[in-house]
C-alpha cells in the first residue's frame, strides 16, 4: 500500500529522492510502540550532534550507542547525558595506524572503559585488509591477529562485551572483493568470527544483521550455534535493499524465532562537515550533506526508512539513493537509483522487542552487572 506524503520544499537529493518533509513524516508515523534504543551509530561533532538530537526526538529514539572518538566523549556526555552510551573503537584516523590498532587500541579500550563504555567494537570487514596493508600487515585487523586477541582478553578482564563488523554486502563481493585470494570469500569471513565466539563467551553483537541480511537461513544457523550472539539491524541502505527482498512471512518468522536477540541500529554517521554549505560534486556524489537542513534530512532519512519498513505497509522506492545498484548493474541504474522498500508491518509485540526490549534486557543488565 502506498501513502501520500507531505512534500519538502527542497530539491530532491540522495538522502531525499522523493522530496519528503521528514518532520511531517515523523508526525505521520506517530510515536513508535515503545521508545527506540539505537545500538549502532557514529556521532561526531557537537553541532551535528545537536541536529541528530532533534532527529532522534522526532522519530521516537530515546537512547543511542555511539562509536565516537574518545576525545569527543566528554562533550557528548554533557550534551546527551545518560541517553548516550559509547562503544570503544580504535583511532582509525591516527597517523600511526599500526600503533592505533596495537598498543593504542588497548589504551583506547581502557580510556573508553573509564568513561563508562562496556562494549568494544572490532571492525574486520574484508576491506580492512586494504587498510592493514597500508600499515604493513593485511591481517592487522583480523580477529585472529595477536593484538586483536590481546584486545579481546583486555575487554574480558574489564567486563566488556563485544560488537563486530564481519562481512559486507553481497554486491561488494560481486564487484570490490572479486580477488578471493586476498579478501577471502564471504563465507570465509565467518571462520575467525566463530572461533572468537567460542573463545570469548561474553555477548557479541554482530553488526548489520550479522553481515548477511541477504541470507536469513545462514543467520539462523549462526544464531543456533552460538548462544552468545546477537544481531543489530544497522546500515540502513543495505537493510532496506536486502530485507525488502524477503517475504513478509519469512521475515516475521525470523524475528519471532530470534526475539530477544535482534536489536535495532541505524548506523547514522554525523559530522560537523555536514553543516558546511558547499556544492562540491564529490561531496554530493558521496551522499554527504551540505548545510544544516540537509544534515537533518540525511539523519532523518535513516530513521524514516527503517521505521517505515518495520511499521507500515508501504511498498515503493526508498527515498535514499543506493549506489550499490549502479555498481552491480551500471547499464540499468545511475547513482540516484534506489531499491524497493517493502513495509513489513511487524506486529507490535515483535517491534517492542526489536526497538527496545532486546537491547534493554542485554545492555542494561550488562551495565548493571559490570559497573
Protein backbone atom coordinates (compact mmCIF):
# COMPACT_ATOMS: atom_id res chain seq x y z
CA UNK A 1 0.00 0.00 0.00
CA UNK A 2 1.37 3.41 -0.94
CA UNK A 3 0.70 6.50 1.11
CA UNK A 4 0.59 10.14 0.15
CA UNK A 5 3.37 12.23 1.65
CA UNK A 6 3.88 15.80 2.69
CA UNK A 7 6.40 17.24 0.22
CA UNK A 8 9.54 19.13 1.14
CA UNK A 9 10.28 22.47 -0.46
CA UNK A 10 13.88 21.39 -1.03
CA UNK A 11 15.12 19.87 -4.27
CA UNK A 12 15.36 16.05 -4.25
CA UNK A 13 18.83 14.72 -3.46
CA UNK A 14 20.45 11.43 -2.43
CA UNK A 15 19.02 11.39 1.10
CA UNK A 16 15.60 12.56 -0.04
CA UNK A 17 14.91 11.46 -3.61
CA UNK A 18 11.15 11.64 -3.04
CA UNK A 19 11.12 15.19 -1.72
CA UNK A 20 9.67 14.15 1.64
CA UNK A 21 9.15 16.56 4.51
CA UNK A 22 10.79 14.43 7.19
CA UNK A 23 9.37 16.50 10.03
CA UNK A 24 5.84 15.96 8.77
CA UNK A 25 6.63 12.32 8.06
CA UNK A 26 7.64 11.84 11.70
CA UNK A 27 4.22 13.16 12.73
CA UNK A 28 2.55 10.88 10.18
CA UNK A 29 4.34 7.83 11.55
CA UNK A 30 3.44 8.87 15.08
CA UNK A 31 5.11 7.55 18.18
CA UNK A 32 6.62 4.08 17.88
CA UNK A 33 5.06 1.35 20.06
CA UNK A 34 7.85 2.00 22.59
CA UNK A 35 10.87 4.29 22.83
CA UNK A 36 13.60 3.07 20.48
CA UNK A 37 17.15 2.21 21.55
CA UNK A 38 19.61 2.69 18.68
CA UNK A 39 22.55 0.40 19.45
CA UNK A 40 24.71 1.35 16.44
CA UNK A 41 25.63 4.88 15.40
CA UNK A 42 28.67 7.09 14.82
CA UNK A 43 28.05 10.51 16.38
CA UNK A 44 30.80 13.04 15.69
CA UNK A 45 30.83 16.82 16.01
CA UNK A 46 28.85 18.76 18.60
CA UNK A 47 26.95 20.90 16.11
CA UNK A 48 25.97 17.85 14.06
CA UNK A 49 25.08 16.04 17.28
CA UNK A 50 22.57 18.76 18.09
CA UNK A 51 20.91 18.18 14.70
CA UNK A 52 20.90 14.45 15.37
CA UNK A 53 19.27 15.04 18.77
CA UNK A 54 16.38 16.84 17.06
CA UNK A 55 16.01 13.94 14.62
CA UNK A 56 16.02 11.21 17.21
CA UNK A 57 13.48 13.09 19.38
CA UNK A 58 11.14 13.42 16.38
CA UNK A 59 11.41 9.73 15.48
CA UNK A 60 10.97 8.32 18.97
CA UNK A 61 14.57 7.28 19.68
CA UNK A 62 15.24 7.63 23.39
CA UNK A 63 18.85 6.48 23.66
CA UNK A 64 21.84 5.89 21.43
CA UNK A 65 25.02 3.83 21.47
CA UNK A 66 27.75 5.60 19.52
CA UNK A 67 31.19 4.83 18.16
CA UNK A 68 32.51 8.34 18.71
CA UNK A 69 36.15 9.33 19.10
CA UNK A 70 37.34 9.05 22.69
CA UNK A 71 38.25 12.76 22.69
CA UNK A 72 34.62 13.63 21.86
CA UNK A 73 33.03 11.56 24.61
CA UNK A 74 33.09 14.14 27.46
CA UNK A 75 31.32 16.83 25.42
CA UNK A 76 28.78 14.36 24.04
CA UNK A 77 28.09 13.07 27.54
CA UNK A 78 27.41 16.64 28.62
CA UNK A 79 25.04 17.14 25.66
CA UNK A 80 23.13 13.85 25.89
CA UNK A 81 23.59 12.77 29.49
CA UNK A 82 22.72 9.16 30.22
CA UNK A 83 20.80 8.83 26.93
CA UNK A 84 24.04 8.23 25.03
CA UNK A 85 26.49 5.43 25.76
CA UNK A 86 29.71 4.71 23.93
CA UNK A 87 31.31 1.77 22.16
CA UNK A 88 35.09 1.57 22.35
CA UNK A 89 36.85 1.84 18.99
CA UNK A 90 40.44 2.40 17.86
CA UNK A 91 41.57 5.72 16.41
CA UNK A 92 41.10 4.95 12.72
CA UNK A 93 42.36 8.35 11.59
CA UNK A 94 45.59 8.18 13.59
CA UNK A 95 48.76 8.95 11.64
CA UNK A 96 50.43 5.82 13.03
CA UNK A 97 47.89 3.17 12.06
CA UNK A 98 49.92 0.26 13.35
CA UNK A 99 50.14 1.77 16.82
CA UNK A 100 46.46 2.72 16.74
CA UNK A 101 45.47 -0.92 16.28
CA UNK A 102 48.02 -2.49 18.61
CA UNK A 103 49.00 -0.84 21.89
CA UNK A 104 46.98 2.23 21.00
CA UNK A 105 43.80 0.16 20.81
CA UNK A 106 44.46 -1.31 24.25
CA UNK A 107 44.89 2.23 25.58
CA UNK A 108 41.67 3.31 23.90
CA UNK A 109 39.72 0.41 25.41
CA UNK A 110 40.85 1.41 28.89
CA UNK A 111 40.03 5.04 28.18
CA UNK A 112 36.52 4.23 26.98
CA UNK A 113 36.00 1.91 29.92
CA UNK A 114 36.87 4.74 32.25
CA UNK A 115 34.15 6.80 30.58
CA UNK A 116 31.53 4.11 31.20
CA UNK A 117 31.76 2.10 27.98
CA UNK A 118 31.05 -1.61 28.34
CA UNK A 119 31.21 -2.59 24.64
CA UNK A 120 34.26 -2.82 22.40
CA UNK A 121 33.91 -2.85 18.61
CA UNK A 122 36.02 -4.93 16.24
CA UNK A 123 35.86 -3.87 12.61
CA UNK A 124 37.09 -6.73 10.44
CA UNK A 125 35.34 -6.20 7.12
CA UNK A 126 37.13 -7.52 4.02
CA UNK A 127 38.36 -4.02 3.15
CA UNK A 128 40.19 -3.97 6.50
CA UNK A 129 42.87 -5.92 4.61
CA UNK A 130 43.48 -2.90 2.40
CA UNK A 131 43.64 -0.70 5.49
CA UNK A 132 46.02 -3.11 7.23
CA UNK A 133 48.18 -3.49 4.13
CA UNK A 134 48.82 0.25 4.17
CA UNK A 135 50.02 -0.16 7.77
CA UNK A 136 52.32 -3.04 6.80
CA UNK A 137 50.14 -6.04 7.68
CA UNK A 138 47.00 -7.01 5.72
CA UNK A 139 45.83 -9.12 8.67
CA UNK A 140 46.33 -6.37 11.26
CA UNK A 141 42.57 -6.16 11.91
CA UNK A 142 41.81 -9.86 11.64
CA UNK A 143 40.16 -11.39 14.70
CA UNK A 144 42.96 -13.97 14.67
CA UNK A 145 45.64 -11.29 14.93
CA UNK A 146 47.70 -11.43 18.15
CA UNK A 147 46.87 -7.81 19.02
CA UNK A 148 43.17 -8.40 18.48
CA UNK A 149 43.44 -11.36 20.83
CA UNK A 150 45.05 -9.10 23.41
CA UNK A 151 42.28 -6.56 22.96
CA UNK A 152 39.63 -9.24 23.50
CA UNK A 153 41.41 -10.50 26.59
CA UNK A 154 41.63 -6.95 27.97
CA UNK A 155 37.94 -6.35 27.29
CA UNK A 156 37.09 -9.60 29.05
CA UNK A 157 39.11 -8.56 32.08
CA UNK A 158 37.30 -5.20 32.20
CA UNK A 159 33.84 -6.73 31.95
CA UNK A 160 33.11 -5.53 28.42
CA UNK A 161 31.05 -7.25 25.74
CA UNK A 162 31.80 -7.21 22.02
CA UNK A 163 30.49 -5.83 18.75
CA UNK A 164 31.87 -6.88 15.37
CA UNK A 165 31.52 -5.93 11.72
CA UNK A 166 32.26 -9.18 9.90
CA UNK A 167 31.18 -9.02 6.27
CA UNK A 168 29.94 -6.57 3.65
CA UNK A 169 27.06 -6.75 1.16
CA UNK A 170 26.86 -9.43 -1.50
CA UNK A 171 27.02 -6.59 -4.02
CA UNK A 172 30.54 -5.78 -2.81
CA UNK A 173 31.68 -9.37 -3.17
CA UNK A 174 30.41 -9.23 -6.75
CA UNK A 175 32.44 -6.09 -7.51
CA UNK A 176 35.01 -4.92 -4.95
CA UNK A 177 36.13 -8.24 -3.49
CA UNK A 178 36.50 -10.42 -6.55
CA UNK A 179 40.07 -11.33 -5.55
CA UNK A 180 39.18 -14.09 -3.08
CA UNK A 181 42.86 -14.95 -2.66
CA UNK A 182 43.29 -11.60 -0.88
CA UNK A 183 39.87 -10.86 0.64
CA UNK A 184 38.54 -14.39 1.10
CA UNK A 185 35.03 -15.50 0.17
CA UNK A 186 32.08 -14.18 2.09
CA UNK A 187 31.67 -17.49 3.94
CA UNK A 188 35.33 -17.41 4.96
CA UNK A 189 34.80 -14.11 6.81
CA UNK A 190 32.89 -16.05 9.46
CA UNK A 191 35.55 -18.63 10.27
CA UNK A 192 37.64 -16.45 12.64
CA UNK A 193 34.42 -14.92 13.97
CA UNK A 194 33.03 -18.27 15.05
CA UNK A 195 36.34 -19.08 16.71
CA UNK A 196 36.12 -15.80 18.63
CA UNK A 197 32.54 -16.53 19.67
CA UNK A 198 33.70 -19.81 21.14
CA UNK A 199 36.81 -18.40 22.81
CA UNK A 200 35.05 -15.40 24.37
CA UNK A 201 31.63 -16.35 25.77
CA UNK A 202 30.62 -12.79 26.64
CA UNK A 203 27.82 -11.41 24.43
CA UNK A 204 28.69 -10.42 20.86
CA UNK A 205 26.59 -8.10 18.71
CA UNK A 206 27.19 -8.78 15.02
CA UNK A 207 26.54 -5.51 13.21
CA UNK A 208 24.42 -5.12 10.08
CA UNK A 209 22.30 -8.24 10.63
CA UNK A 210 25.47 -10.19 11.12
CA UNK A 211 26.77 -9.01 7.75
CA UNK A 212 24.44 -11.28 5.78
CA UNK A 213 20.86 -9.94 5.63
CA UNK A 214 20.70 -11.48 2.17
CA UNK A 215 20.64 -14.98 3.73
CA UNK A 216 18.36 -15.43 6.74
CA UNK A 217 18.96 -19.19 6.71
CA UNK A 218 22.68 -18.62 7.24
CA UNK A 219 21.94 -16.22 10.11
CA UNK A 220 19.57 -18.77 11.61
CA UNK A 221 22.38 -21.32 11.68
CA UNK A 222 24.83 -18.82 13.15
CA UNK A 223 22.44 -17.87 15.95
CA UNK A 224 21.65 -21.54 16.59
CA UNK A 225 25.31 -22.40 17.02
CA UNK A 226 26.19 -19.51 19.34
CA UNK A 227 24.00 -18.62 22.31
CA UNK A 228 26.12 -15.52 22.99
CA UNK A 229 25.41 -13.97 19.58
CA UNK A 230 23.06 -11.06 18.91
CA UNK A 231 22.44 -9.12 15.68
CA UNK A 232 21.78 -5.44 15.08
CA UNK A 233 19.81 -4.03 12.16
CA UNK A 234 22.15 -1.15 11.26
CA UNK A 235 23.31 0.03 7.80
CA UNK A 236 20.02 1.43 6.57
CA UNK A 237 20.58 1.34 2.79
CA UNK A 238 21.82 -2.24 2.97
CA UNK A 239 18.97 -3.38 5.23
CA UNK A 240 16.26 -1.72 3.14
CA UNK A 241 17.61 -3.19 -0.10
CA UNK A 242 18.06 -6.75 1.12
CA UNK A 243 15.45 -7.27 3.83
CA UNK A 244 12.78 -5.95 1.45
CA UNK A 245 13.56 -8.88 -0.86
CA UNK A 246 12.37 -11.40 1.73
CA UNK A 247 8.69 -12.22 2.01
CA UNK A 248 6.92 -10.71 4.99
CA UNK A 249 6.16 -14.20 6.35
CA UNK A 250 9.82 -15.20 6.16
CA UNK A 251 10.98 -12.01 7.84
CA UNK A 252 8.38 -12.11 10.62
CA UNK A 253 9.16 -15.78 11.24
CA UNK A 254 12.86 -14.96 11.62
CA UNK A 255 12.18 -12.08 14.02
CA UNK A 256 9.80 -14.24 16.03
CA UNK A 257 12.20 -17.16 16.34
CA UNK A 258 15.04 -14.91 17.46
CA UNK A 259 13.10 -12.35 19.50
CA UNK A 260 15.41 -11.00 22.19
CA UNK A 261 18.49 -11.38 20.02
CA UNK A 262 17.73 -8.84 17.26
CA UNK A 263 18.49 -5.23 18.24
CA UNK A 264 17.64 -2.02 16.40
CA UNK A 265 20.51 0.00 14.93
CA UNK A 266 20.76 2.70 12.28
CA UNK A 267 24.48 3.26 11.51
CA UNK A 268 23.79 7.02 11.30
CA UNK A 269 27.05 8.95 10.90
CA UNK A 270 27.09 12.60 11.93
CA UNK A 271 29.89 15.11 11.47
CA UNK A 272 30.19 18.88 11.61
CA UNK A 273 31.36 18.89 7.99
CA UNK A 274 27.76 18.07 7.05
CA UNK A 275 26.75 21.55 8.21
CA UNK A 276 29.10 23.39 5.85
CA UNK A 277 27.26 24.89 2.87
CA UNK A 278 29.01 23.91 -0.36
CA UNK A 279 28.26 22.29 -3.70
CA UNK A 280 31.36 20.15 -4.10
CA UNK A 281 30.31 17.48 -6.65
CA UNK A 282 32.40 14.82 -4.91
CA UNK A 283 30.65 15.53 -1.62
CA UNK A 284 27.24 15.44 -3.24
CA UNK A 285 28.02 12.20 -5.09
CA UNK A 286 29.05 10.61 -1.79
CA UNK A 287 25.65 11.45 -0.33
CA UNK A 288 27.08 13.88 2.19
CA UNK A 289 25.02 16.80 3.42
CA UNK A 290 25.79 20.45 2.75
CA UNK A 291 24.21 22.64 5.41
CA UNK A 292 22.09 22.14 8.48
CA UNK A 293 18.85 21.26 6.71
CA UNK A 294 20.50 18.64 4.51
CA UNK A 295 22.19 17.20 7.61
CA UNK A 296 18.75 16.95 9.21
CA UNK A 297 17.40 15.14 6.14
CA UNK A 298 20.41 12.83 5.94
CA UNK A 299 19.96 11.65 9.53
CA UNK A 300 16.15 11.62 9.44
CA UNK A 301 16.09 9.56 6.23
CA UNK A 302 17.60 6.61 8.06
CA UNK A 303 15.04 6.55 10.83
CA UNK A 304 12.21 7.17 8.36
CA UNK A 305 13.28 4.27 6.14
CA UNK A 306 13.77 1.81 8.99
CA UNK A 307 10.55 2.68 10.80
CA UNK A 308 8.61 2.64 7.54
CA UNK A 309 9.98 -0.81 6.72
CA UNK A 310 9.15 -2.19 10.16
CA UNK A 311 5.86 -0.49 10.95
CA UNK A 312 3.90 0.10 7.75
CA UNK A 313 2.54 -1.48 4.57
CA UNK A 314 4.47 0.95 2.36
CA UNK A 315 5.57 -0.57 -0.94
CA UNK A 316 7.60 1.71 -3.16
CA UNK A 317 11.04 3.12 -3.79
CA UNK A 318 13.30 4.06 -0.94
CA UNK A 319 13.88 7.82 -0.59
CA UNK A 320 17.61 7.10 -0.18
CA UNK A 321 19.81 6.66 -3.25
CA UNK A 322 21.71 3.38 -3.24
CA UNK A 323 24.89 3.40 -5.38
CA UNK A 324 25.26 -0.37 -4.98
CA UNK A 325 22.62 -0.78 -7.68
CA UNK A 326 24.74 1.05 -10.26
CA UNK A 327 27.86 -0.69 -9.02
CA UNK A 328 26.39 -4.09 -9.91
CA UNK A 329 24.34 -3.12 -12.98
CA UNK A 330 25.56 0.22 -14.39
CA UNK A 331 23.60 -0.35 -17.57
CA UNK A 332 20.34 -0.26 -15.60
CA UNK A 333 20.95 2.17 -12.75
CA UNK A 334 22.58 5.50 -12.01
CA UNK A 335 23.88 6.87 -8.70
CA UNK A 336 20.46 8.25 -7.76
CA UNK A 337 18.63 4.94 -8.22
CA UNK A 338 17.01 3.33 -5.21
CA UNK A 339 15.68 -0.14 -4.40
CA UNK A 340 12.22 -1.21 -3.38
CA UNK A 341 11.30 -0.60 0.25
CA UNK A 342 8.75 -3.15 1.42
CA UNK A 343 6.85 -2.35 4.59
CA UNK A 344 6.72 -5.47 6.77
CA UNK A 345 4.05 -4.24 9.22
CA UNK A 346 5.75 -6.11 12.07
CA UNK A 347 3.38 -6.95 14.96
CA UNK A 348 3.73 -4.53 17.86
CA UNK A 349 4.94 -7.18 20.30
CA UNK A 350 7.85 -8.01 17.99
CA UNK A 351 8.52 -4.32 17.34
CA UNK A 352 8.86 -3.71 21.06
CA UNK A 353 11.43 -6.49 21.22
CA UNK A 354 13.49 -5.14 18.31
CA UNK A 355 13.11 -1.48 19.21
CA UNK A 356 13.70 -1.64 22.96
CA UNK A 357 13.31 -4.83 24.96
CA UNK A 358 16.15 -6.88 23.45
CA UNK A 359 18.64 -4.05 23.91
CA UNK A 360 17.37 -3.19 27.37
CA UNK A 361 17.50 -6.79 28.55
CA UNK A 362 21.01 -7.30 27.19
CA UNK A 363 22.70 -3.95 27.70
CA UNK A 364 21.08 -2.54 30.80
CA UNK A 365 21.60 -5.78 32.67
CA UNK A 366 25.20 -5.95 31.46
CA UNK A 367 25.90 -2.40 32.64
CA UNK A 368 24.28 -3.18 35.98
CA UNK A 369 26.39 -6.30 36.42
CA UNK A 370 29.61 -4.55 35.29
CA UNK A 371 29.55 -1.09 36.92
